Amino acid sequence: MKKYTVEIVSSVRDEIFEYIRFIRDEYKSPLTAERHLIGLLDEINSLSSFAESIQVSTRQRVLIHGPNARSIKYKKLCIIYTVHNERVIVHELLPCSMIISDL
């Protein structure tokens, strides 16, 4: 089985921590925020095993990251990434509603 190295663009790291801070501070729910962080990072890291098995997207909002851009869901978030040889690069984290409305 092919293994990929997963890289997260620094702006995505910032988006992840902003999302977690929002859950922790606005909803006053630190345990839920921690579970979301662990789940989200697990989902991103799972790309190391199956990144290319996900179909290339046809959505314009995803394809701005390149012709081989793909996305996976975690709860109501979409993780947009590309695959380059042995590397998976996570480019963006968006609410899935922004991608679904892109028809």
Protein backbone atom coordinates (compact mmCIF):
# COMPACT_ATOMS: atom_id res chain seq x y z
CA MET A 1 0.00 0.00 0.00
CA LYS A 2 1.29 3.43 -0.94
CA LYS A 3 1.93 5.84 1.95
CA TYR A 4 1.82 9.61 1.56
CA THR A 5 3.37 12.38 3.62
CA VAL A 6 0.66 14.83 4.68
CA GLU A 7 1.55 18.52 4.76
CA ILE A 8 -0.81 21.19 6.10
CA VAL A 9 -0.39 24.69 4.69
CA SER A 10 0.19 27.21 7.51
CA SER A 11 -3.00 29.13 6.72
CA VAL A 12 -4.97 25.89 7.20
CA ARG A 13 -3.34 25.38 10.61
CA ASP A 14 -4.55 28.85 11.52
CA GLU A 15 -8.07 28.03 10.27
CA ILE A 16 -8.13 24.83 12.32
CA PHE A 17 -7.18 26.59 15.52
CA GLU A 18 -9.62 29.44 14.83
CA TYR A 19 -12.39 26.84 14.38
CA ILE A 20 -11.41 25.11 17.64
CA ARG A 21 -11.20 28.40 19.54
CA PHE A 22 -14.66 29.31 18.26
CA ILE A 23 -16.16 26.07 19.62
CA ARG A 24 -14.30 26.45 22.91
CA ASP A 25 -15.06 30.15 23.48
CA GLU A 26 -18.40 30.83 21.79
CA TYR A 27 -20.09 27.60 22.80
CA LYS A 28 -18.18 27.35 26.10
CA SER A 29 -17.37 23.75 25.29
CA PRO A 30 -13.69 22.88 25.71
CA LEU A 31 -14.26 19.10 25.63
CA THR A 32 -16.19 19.31 22.37
CA ALA A 33 -13.47 21.55 20.94
CA GLU A 34 -10.82 19.00 21.93
CA ARG A 35 -12.81 16.13 20.36
CA HIS A 36 -13.24 18.16 17.15
CA LEU A 37 -9.52 18.90 17.00
CA ILE A 38 -8.58 15.25 17.48
CA GLY A 39 -11.17 14.08 14.94
CA LEU A 40 -10.20 16.68 12.36
CA LEU A 41 -6.48 15.93 12.65
CA ASP A 42 -7.19 12.19 12.49
CA GLU A 43 -9.23 12.73 9.31
CA ILE A 44 -6.44 14.79 7.74
CA ASN A 45 -3.78 12.26 8.74
CA SER A 46 -5.87 9.41 7.33
CA LEU A 47 -5.10 10.83 3.89
CA SER A 48 -1.64 9.27 4.25
CA SER A 49 -3.25 5.92 3.41
CA PHE A 50 -5.89 6.63 0.77
CA ALA A 51 -5.44 10.13 -0.67
CA GLU A 52 -5.59 9.13 -4.34
CA SER A 53 -8.59 6.86 -3.90
CA ILE A 54 -10.81 9.95 -3.58
CA GLN A 55 -12.16 11.17 -6.90
CA VAL A 56 -10.82 14.45 -8.33
CA SER A 57 -13.40 17.17 -7.72
CA THR A 58 -15.48 18.84 -10.41
CA ARG A 59 -16.40 21.80 -8.19
CA GLN A 60 -14.90 25.13 -9.21
CA ARG A 61 -14.31 26.14 -5.59
CA VAL A 62 -12.12 23.08 -5.11
CA LEU A 63 -10.39 23.23 -8.50
CA ILE A 64 -8.89 26.66 -7.79
CA HIS A 65 -6.19 24.61 -6.02
CA GLY A 66 -5.27 22.72 -9.18
CA PRO A 67 -6.67 20.27 -11.71
CA ASN A 68 -6.15 17.30 -9.39
CA ALA A 69 -7.73 18.88 -6.27
CA ARG A 70 -9.95 16.69 -4.11
CA SER A 71 -11.98 17.10 -0.95
CA ILE A 72 -13.13 15.02 1.99
CA LYS A 73 -15.64 15.86 4.69
CA TYR A 74 -15.26 16.05 8.43
CA LYS A 75 -18.58 16.88 10.07
CA LYS A 76 -19.68 20.05 8.19
CA LEU A 77 -16.20 20.97 7.01
CA CYS A 78 -14.51 20.15 3.72
CA ILE A 79 -10.80 19.51 3.63
CA ILE A 80 -9.38 20.44 0.22
CA TYR A 81 -6.11 18.83 -0.81
CA THR A 82 -3.92 17.84 -3.76
CA VAL A 83 -1.63 14.87 -4.28
CA HIS A 84 1.88 15.33 -5.68
CA ASN A 85 3.93 12.12 -5.98
CA GLU A 86 4.29 10.93 -2.36
CA ARG A 87 2.92 14.14 -0.79
CA VAL A 88 -0.58 15.24 0.17
CA ILE A 89 -0.90 19.00 0.58
CA VAL A 90 -3.91 20.28 2.50
CA HIS A 91 -4.75 23.69 1.01
CA GLU A 92 -7.99 24.81 2.59
CA LEU A 93 -10.62 24.10 5.20
CA LEU A 94 -14.11 25.33 4.31
CA PRO A 95 -17.71 24.88 5.38
CA CYS A 96 -19.10 22.26 2.97
CA SER A 97 -22.03 24.55 2.21
CA MET A 98 -19.62 26.83 0.30
CA ILE A 99 -18.69 23.96 -2.01
CA ILE A 100 -22.16 22.47 -2.44
CA SER A 101 -23.56 25.81 -3.56
CA ASP A 102 -20.88 25.92 -6.31
CA LEU A 103 -22.83 24.42 -9.22
